[in-house]
Amino acid sequence: MGNETEKKAPRDLRRITFVAIIVGIVLAGSAIGYVSYTSWTASSSTALRAIIAGDKVTLDYIGRLPDGRVFDTSLSSVAQNDGLYPKSLTFSLRSNSSYTPFTMTAGYYGSGGTIKGFAQGVIGLHVGDHVVIEVPPDEGYPLVPAMITTFNVTDTIPIVDVVTESQFYSLFGKAPVAMQVVTHPFWKWQVLVSEVANGTVVLRNEPYIGENVYPYGNPDAQTPTGWQIRVIGYDPNASNGAGAITIRNMVTPDDVYYVKGEDSNGNALIIWSFDEQNQTFQVHRSDSANGYNAEVSGRTLFFEITIEKVVPGVS
């Protein structure tokens, strides 16, 4: 959420009023759960003043993805209960003191502030209302295409690589020595230093067929990250002697939005799409330094909210 910076005129928004949320947990790989929203008519008395643009609104909220997983909340009880409230890939616990009702200005949104669908979704509600606001993608968190990278499911990498001695030192943290075996900093397989001459270092990547690597995460972490990449071919005679290592990303359509990796800067990588016909998949990168979250960007979101307090705006 955030503090609003730009005033916009209110308009109607699809809103689903809330009676009950049914959460079913499906333990199948990394897939967990769904949410079913039951609609009813808001119970607020017509004698209560409806929220209008400019009112200061204090509320509690639970932000959910389309499958029901929670990506954000103002409630400590929700944040700490993974059984009843399965979490998104990028959800992280905050300090208990940070879980407090959120105050925003109805109808106000803009750069760095409350998203449009949320700011306008409270208009017309009353103190005490408990509803679910549906925020469509174009009124939620924006999608940045530059943050999305396309990978081939099956790809090739040269066996032979040539670097300078300074580049070698930057990569491996030591001076190169001929016939030395080192571990590739990205792929994590063995690399042979086959030649060192005149400031140039010739390297030979030497994975074995069937080797599994996790360059985009750690499968042994308490919460495993990344996806498996398997070496399925090794041809030293390909590409005019440069050789070719054939790898396969062990990614399936079921992994979309359910597998998180990590880049070298520690930013989350979310499997974002899978094209079975072209055998490609896309990875959506988050940018923690700028608050950009790939898991919620460009998606329909649902906010279950309870209006706690309304302070009329200045007319």
Protein backbone atom coordinates (compact mmCIF):
# COMPACT_ATOMS: atom_id res chain seq x y z
CA MET A 1 0.00 0.00 0.00
CA GLY A 2 1.19 3.58 0.24
CA ASN A 3 0.38 7.22 0.67
CA GLU A 4 -1.51 8.89 -2.15
CA THR A 5 -0.03 11.78 -4.08
CA GLU A 6 -2.45 12.64 -6.86
CA LYS A 7 -6.17 13.43 -6.78
CA LYS A 8 -8.38 11.79 -9.40
CA ALA A 9 -12.11 11.97 -9.94
CA PRO A 10 -14.00 8.96 -8.53
CA ARG A 11 -15.87 6.53 -10.74
CA ASP A 12 -17.72 3.25 -10.39
CA LEU A 13 -15.65 0.13 -9.74
CA ARG A 14 -16.67 -3.50 -9.68
CA ARG A 15 -16.92 -4.44 -6.04
CA ILE A 16 -17.73 -7.81 -4.53
CA THR A 17 -19.35 -7.62 -1.09
CA PHE A 18 -18.32 -10.25 1.36
CA VAL A 19 -20.09 -12.94 3.33
CA ALA A 20 -17.47 -15.72 3.59
CA ILE A 21 -14.14 -16.70 2.14
CA ILE A 22 -13.53 -20.39 1.62
CA VAL A 23 -9.89 -21.33 1.38
CA GLY A 24 -9.01 -24.78 0.04
CA ILE A 25 -5.40 -25.85 0.31
CA VAL A 26 -4.16 -28.09 -2.47
CA LEU A 27 -0.83 -29.71 -1.65
CA ALA A 28 0.43 -30.51 -5.12
CA GLY A 29 4.02 -29.51 -5.61
CA SER A 30 4.27 -25.82 -4.93
CA ALA A 31 0.58 -25.13 -5.63
CA ILE A 32 -1.41 -24.04 -2.59
CA GLY A 33 -5.01 -23.14 -2.48
CA TYR A 34 -7.77 -21.10 -3.97
CA VAL A 35 -10.34 -18.62 -2.73
CA SER A 36 -14.04 -18.52 -3.43
CA TYR A 37 -15.82 -15.25 -2.74
CA THR A 38 -19.53 -15.32 -1.89
CA SER A 39 -21.40 -12.12 -2.70
CA TRP A 40 -24.18 -10.46 -0.77
CA THR A 41 -25.60 -6.98 -0.29
CA ALA A 42 -23.64 -4.70 2.05
CA SER A 43 -25.33 -4.53 5.45
CA SER A 44 -24.52 -0.92 6.26
CA SER A 45 -27.43 1.17 7.35
CA THR A 46 -28.54 3.70 4.77
CA ALA A 47 -28.51 6.22 7.63
CA LEU A 48 -24.71 6.11 7.65
CA ARG A 49 -22.89 8.59 5.49
CA ALA A 50 -21.31 6.97 2.42
CA ILE A 51 -17.60 7.52 1.79
CA ILE A 52 -16.85 10.14 -0.85
CA ALA A 53 -13.62 11.27 -2.50
CA GLY A 54 -11.43 13.19 -0.08
CA ASP A 55 -12.53 11.34 3.07
CA LYS A 56 -9.79 9.91 5.30
CA VAL A 57 -10.53 6.19 5.57
CA THR A 58 -8.96 3.82 8.10
CA LEU A 59 -9.36 0.14 7.36
CA ASP A 60 -7.92 -3.34 7.79
CA TYR A 61 -7.17 -5.32 4.68
CA ILE A 62 -6.03 -8.66 3.31
CA GLY A 63 -4.58 -8.50 -0.21
CA ARG A 64 -4.95 -11.71 -2.22
CA LEU A 65 -3.84 -13.04 -5.59
CA PRO A 66 -6.47 -14.63 -7.90
CA ASP A 67 -5.75 -18.07 -6.40
CA GLY A 68 -6.33 -16.80 -2.86
CA ARG A 69 -2.78 -16.60 -1.58
CA VAL A 70 -2.12 -13.56 0.62
CA PHE A 71 0.50 -11.09 -0.62
CA ASP A 72 -0.07 -8.34 1.97
CA THR A 73 -2.17 -7.59 5.04
CA SER A 74 -2.58 -5.12 7.87
CA LEU A 75 -3.48 -7.92 10.31
CA SER A 76 -0.81 -9.68 12.36
CA SER A 77 -3.13 -12.65 12.94
CA VAL A 78 -3.36 -13.19 9.18
CA ALA A 79 0.35 -12.64 8.55
CA GLN A 80 1.35 -15.26 11.11
CA ASN A 81 -1.19 -17.95 10.17
CA ASP A 82 -0.03 -19.80 7.06
CA GLY A 83 -2.49 -22.64 7.61
CA LEU A 84 -5.64 -20.57 7.18
CA TYR A 85 -3.97 -17.91 5.04
CA PRO A 86 -1.52 -19.44 2.51
CA LYS A 87 1.03 -16.86 1.41
CA SER A 88 2.34 -15.69 -1.92
CA LEU A 89 5.92 -16.40 -3.01
CA THR A 90 7.12 -12.92 -2.10
CA PHE A 91 5.21 -12.49 1.17
CA SER A 92 7.49 -11.73 4.12
CA LEU A 93 6.70 -11.19 7.79
CA ARG A 94 7.25 -7.71 9.19
CA SER A 95 7.68 -6.63 12.79
CA ASN A 96 4.47 -7.05 14.82
CA SER A 97 4.23 -3.31 15.44
CA SER A 98 3.89 -2.66 11.70
CA TYR A 99 0.57 -4.53 11.48
CA THR A 100 -1.87 -1.69 12.06
CA PRO A 101 -4.97 -0.40 10.22
CA PHE A 102 -4.16 1.45 7.02
CA THR A 103 -5.28 5.05 6.51
CA MET A 104 -5.77 6.44 3.02
CA THR A 105 -7.72 9.17 1.25
CA ALA A 106 -10.67 7.93 -0.78
CA GLY A 107 -10.36 8.68 -4.49
CA TYR A 108 -6.73 9.79 -4.34
CA TYR A 109 -4.03 7.85 -6.17
CA GLY A 110 -0.89 8.47 -8.15
CA SER A 111 2.81 7.84 -8.44
CA GLY A 112 4.11 6.26 -5.25
CA GLY A 113 0.65 6.25 -3.67
CA THR A 114 -2.40 4.07 -3.26
CA ILE A 115 -3.32 2.14 -6.40
CA LYS A 116 -6.26 3.45 -8.38
CA GLY A 117 -8.60 0.48 -7.93
CA PHE A 118 -8.15 0.52 -4.16
CA ALA A 119 -8.47 4.30 -3.78
CA GLN A 120 -11.70 4.36 -5.74
CA GLY A 121 -13.00 1.04 -4.46
CA VAL A 122 -13.85 2.43 -1.02
CA ILE A 123 -16.09 5.19 -2.39
CA GLY A 124 -19.72 4.52 -1.50
CA LEU A 125 -18.90 2.27 1.46
CA HIS A 126 -19.65 2.98 5.13
CA VAL A 127 -18.04 2.48 8.52
CA GLY A 128 -18.33 -1.20 9.47
CA ASP A 129 -18.61 -2.52 5.92
CA HIS A 130 -16.70 -5.76 5.26
CA VAL A 131 -16.26 -6.25 1.53
CA VAL A 132 -13.92 -7.59 -1.12
CA ILE A 133 -12.74 -5.08 -3.71
CA GLU A 134 -11.70 -6.53 -7.06
CA VAL A 135 -8.92 -4.48 -8.66
CA PRO A 136 -8.39 -5.15 -12.39
CA PRO A 137 -4.84 -5.12 -13.79
CA ASP A 138 -5.09 -1.64 -15.33
CA GLU A 139 -6.05 -0.17 -11.94
CA GLY A 140 -3.52 -2.07 -9.85
CA TYR A 141 0.25 -2.29 -9.88
CA PRO A 142 1.68 -1.51 -13.34
CA LEU A 143 3.48 -4.06 -15.45
CA VAL A 144 6.96 -3.14 -16.75
CA PRO A 145 7.80 -5.24 -19.84
CA ALA A 146 11.53 -4.54 -19.39
CA MET A 147 11.39 -6.66 -16.23
CA ILE A 148 10.36 -9.77 -18.20
CA THR A 149 12.90 -12.11 -19.84
CA THR A 150 12.11 -14.96 -22.24
CA PHE A 151 14.01 -18.27 -21.95
CA ASN A 152 14.09 -21.29 -24.23
CA VAL A 153 13.15 -24.48 -22.41
CA THR A 154 16.08 -26.16 -24.19
CA ASP A 155 19.20 -24.11 -24.90
CA THR A 156 22.92 -24.44 -25.68
CA ILE A 157 26.02 -22.95 -24.07
CA PRO A 158 29.59 -22.97 -25.49
CA ILE A 159 32.01 -25.38 -23.86
CA VAL A 160 34.99 -23.09 -24.46
CA ASP A 161 35.05 -19.62 -22.95
CA VAL A 162 37.86 -17.03 -23.17
CA VAL A 163 38.38 -14.30 -20.56
CA THR A 164 41.16 -11.95 -19.51
CA GLU A 165 43.17 -12.66 -16.38
CA SER A 166 41.48 -9.75 -14.59
CA GLN A 167 38.06 -11.09 -15.57
CA PHE A 168 39.05 -14.51 -14.28
CA TYR A 169 40.08 -13.00 -10.96
CA SER A 170 36.77 -11.15 -10.70
CA LEU A 171 34.85 -14.34 -11.42
CA PHE A 172 36.78 -16.80 -9.28
CA GLY A 173 38.63 -14.68 -6.72
CA LYS A 174 42.05 -16.10 -7.56
CA ALA A 175 44.76 -15.93 -10.22
CA PRO A 176 44.44 -18.45 -13.06
CA VAL A 177 46.73 -21.50 -13.17
CA ALA A 178 46.82 -23.87 -16.16
CA MET A 179 45.04 -27.20 -15.55
CA GLN A 180 43.39 -25.80 -12.44
CA VAL A 181 39.76 -26.90 -11.82
CA VAL A 182 37.37 -24.26 -10.47
CA THR A 183 33.62 -24.00 -9.93
CA HIS A 184 31.63 -21.84 -12.33
CA PRO A 185 30.21 -18.88 -10.32
CA PHE A 186 26.85 -19.03 -12.11
CA TRP A 187 26.32 -22.59 -13.30
CA LYS A 188 28.11 -24.20 -10.34
CA TRP A 189 29.63 -26.95 -12.46
CA GLN A 190 33.34 -27.69 -12.91
CA VAL A 191 35.49 -25.54 -15.17
CA LEU A 192 38.98 -26.47 -16.36
CA VAL A 193 41.59 -23.75 -16.92
CA SER A 194 43.05 -25.20 -20.10
CA GLU A 195 45.42 -22.38 -21.04
CA VAL A 196 46.89 -19.17 -19.59
CA ALA A 197 48.94 -17.03 -21.98
CA ASN A 198 49.57 -13.34 -22.62
CA GLY A 199 46.89 -12.18 -20.20
CA THR A 200 44.26 -14.47 -21.72
CA VAL A 201 42.62 -17.46 -20.03
CA VAL A 202 40.94 -20.29 -21.95
CA LEU A 203 38.27 -22.12 -19.96
CA ARG A 204 36.47 -25.39 -20.64
CA ASN A 205 33.10 -25.92 -19.02
CA GLU A 206 32.93 -29.55 -17.90
CA PRO A 207 29.51 -30.52 -16.61
CA TYR A 208 28.47 -34.15 -16.97
CA ILE A 209 25.36 -35.30 -18.80
CA GLY A 210 22.57 -35.66 -16.28
CA GLU A 211 24.02 -33.06 -13.92
CA ASN A 212 21.38 -30.83 -12.31
CA VAL A 213 22.19 -27.22 -11.43
CA TYR A 214 20.25 -24.36 -9.82
CA PRO A 215 21.87 -21.10 -10.96
CA TYR A 216 18.75 -19.09 -10.10
CA GLY A 217 18.25 -20.25 -6.54
CA ASN A 218 19.04 -22.66 -3.74
CA PRO A 219 17.14 -25.96 -3.57
CA ASP A 220 18.59 -26.70 -0.13
CA ALA A 221 17.36 -23.53 1.57
CA GLN A 222 14.68 -23.76 4.26
CA THR A 223 12.31 -22.44 1.62
CA PRO A 224 13.77 -23.81 -1.65
CA THR A 225 14.15 -21.36 -4.52
CA GLY A 226 14.97 -21.58 -8.20
CA TRP A 227 14.22 -24.21 -10.79
CA GLN A 228 16.23 -27.22 -11.88
CA ILE A 229 18.33 -27.02 -15.04
CA ARG A 230 19.60 -30.35 -16.39
CA VAL A 231 22.57 -30.99 -18.68
CA ILE A 232 21.24 -33.21 -21.47
CA GLY A 233 24.04 -32.99 -24.04
CA TYR A 234 27.79 -32.37 -24.39
CA ASP A 235 29.36 -32.10 -27.86
CA PRO A 236 32.99 -30.87 -27.90
CA ASN A 237 33.06 -30.78 -31.73
CA ALA A 238 30.09 -28.46 -32.26
CA SER A 239 30.32 -24.82 -33.37
CA ASN A 240 33.74 -25.11 -35.03
CA GLY A 241 35.41 -26.43 -31.90
CA ALA A 242 33.76 -24.13 -29.39
CA GLY A 243 31.61 -27.06 -28.37
CA ALA A 244 28.05 -27.05 -27.12
CA ILE A 245 26.46 -27.92 -23.82
CA THR A 246 22.74 -28.59 -24.15
CA ILE A 247 20.66 -27.73 -21.11
CA ARG A 248 16.99 -28.11 -20.33
CA ASN A 249 15.09 -25.87 -17.94
CA MET A 250 12.87 -28.24 -15.98
CA VAL A 251 9.94 -25.83 -16.02
CA THR A 252 6.29 -26.70 -16.72
CA PRO A 253 3.07 -24.70 -17.14
CA ASP A 254 2.18 -25.63 -13.54
CA ASP A 255 5.15 -23.57 -12.33
CA VAL A 256 3.68 -20.26 -13.53
CA TYR A 257 3.33 -18.00 -10.45
CA TYR A 258 4.33 -20.93 -8.20
CA VAL A 259 8.12 -20.96 -8.59
CA LYS A 260 10.41 -18.21 -7.35
CA GLY A 261 14.08 -17.84 -8.20
CA GLU A 262 16.66 -15.19 -7.44
CA ASP A 263 19.09 -13.17 -9.54
CA SER A 264 22.66 -12.24 -8.61
CA ASN A 265 21.42 -9.04 -6.92
CA GLY A 266 19.00 -10.90 -4.67
CA ASN A 267 15.89 -9.81 -6.57
CA ALA A 268 13.03 -12.29 -6.81
CA LEU A 269 12.37 -14.01 -10.15
CA ILE A 270 8.84 -15.28 -10.75
CA ILE A 271 7.97 -17.82 -13.47
CA TRP A 272 5.45 -15.63 -15.29
CA SER A 273 4.29 -17.53 -18.38
CA PHE A 274 4.86 -20.73 -20.38
CA ASP A 275 4.44 -21.15 -24.15
CA GLU A 276 4.03 -24.85 -24.88
CA GLN A 277 3.90 -24.39 -28.65
CA ASN A 278 7.21 -22.50 -28.85
CA GLN A 279 8.75 -24.21 -25.80
CA THR A 280 9.66 -20.96 -24.13
CA PHE A 281 8.87 -19.48 -20.74
CA GLN A 282 9.10 -16.01 -19.25
CA VAL A 283 10.60 -14.90 -15.98
CA HIS A 284 9.42 -11.68 -14.31
CA ARG A 285 12.00 -9.91 -12.16
CA SER A 286 11.22 -7.92 -9.04
CA ASP A 287 13.27 -4.89 -8.05
CA SER A 288 13.44 -4.70 -4.27
CA ALA A 289 15.36 -1.39 -4.35
CA ASN A 290 12.44 0.34 -6.10
CA GLY A 291 9.60 -1.60 -4.50
CA TYR A 292 8.61 -3.32 -7.75
CA ASN A 293 6.96 -6.69 -7.05
CA ALA A 294 6.66 -9.01 -10.04
CA GLU A 295 4.11 -11.21 -8.29
CA VAL A 296 1.38 -8.53 -8.17
CA SER A 297 2.23 -6.40 -11.22
CA GLY A 298 -0.25 -6.55 -14.07
CA ARG A 299 -2.62 -8.90 -12.25
CA THR A 300 -6.18 -8.84 -10.97
CA LEU A 301 -6.05 -8.49 -7.18
CA PHE A 302 -8.61 -8.86 -4.41
CA PHE A 303 -8.64 -6.79 -1.21
CA GLU A 304 -10.82 -7.99 1.65
CA ILE A 305 -11.35 -4.87 3.74
CA THR A 306 -13.16 -3.76 6.91
CA ILE A 307 -13.85 -0.03 7.19
CA GLU A 308 -12.91 0.99 10.75
CA LYS A 309 -13.13 4.78 10.65
CA VAL A 310 -14.03 7.60 8.29
CA VAL A 311 -13.09 11.25 8.76
CA PRO A 312 -14.95 13.51 6.30
CA GLY A 313 -12.73 15.49 3.98
CA VAL A 314 -12.71 19.24 3.74
CA SER A 315 -15.52 20.36 1.43
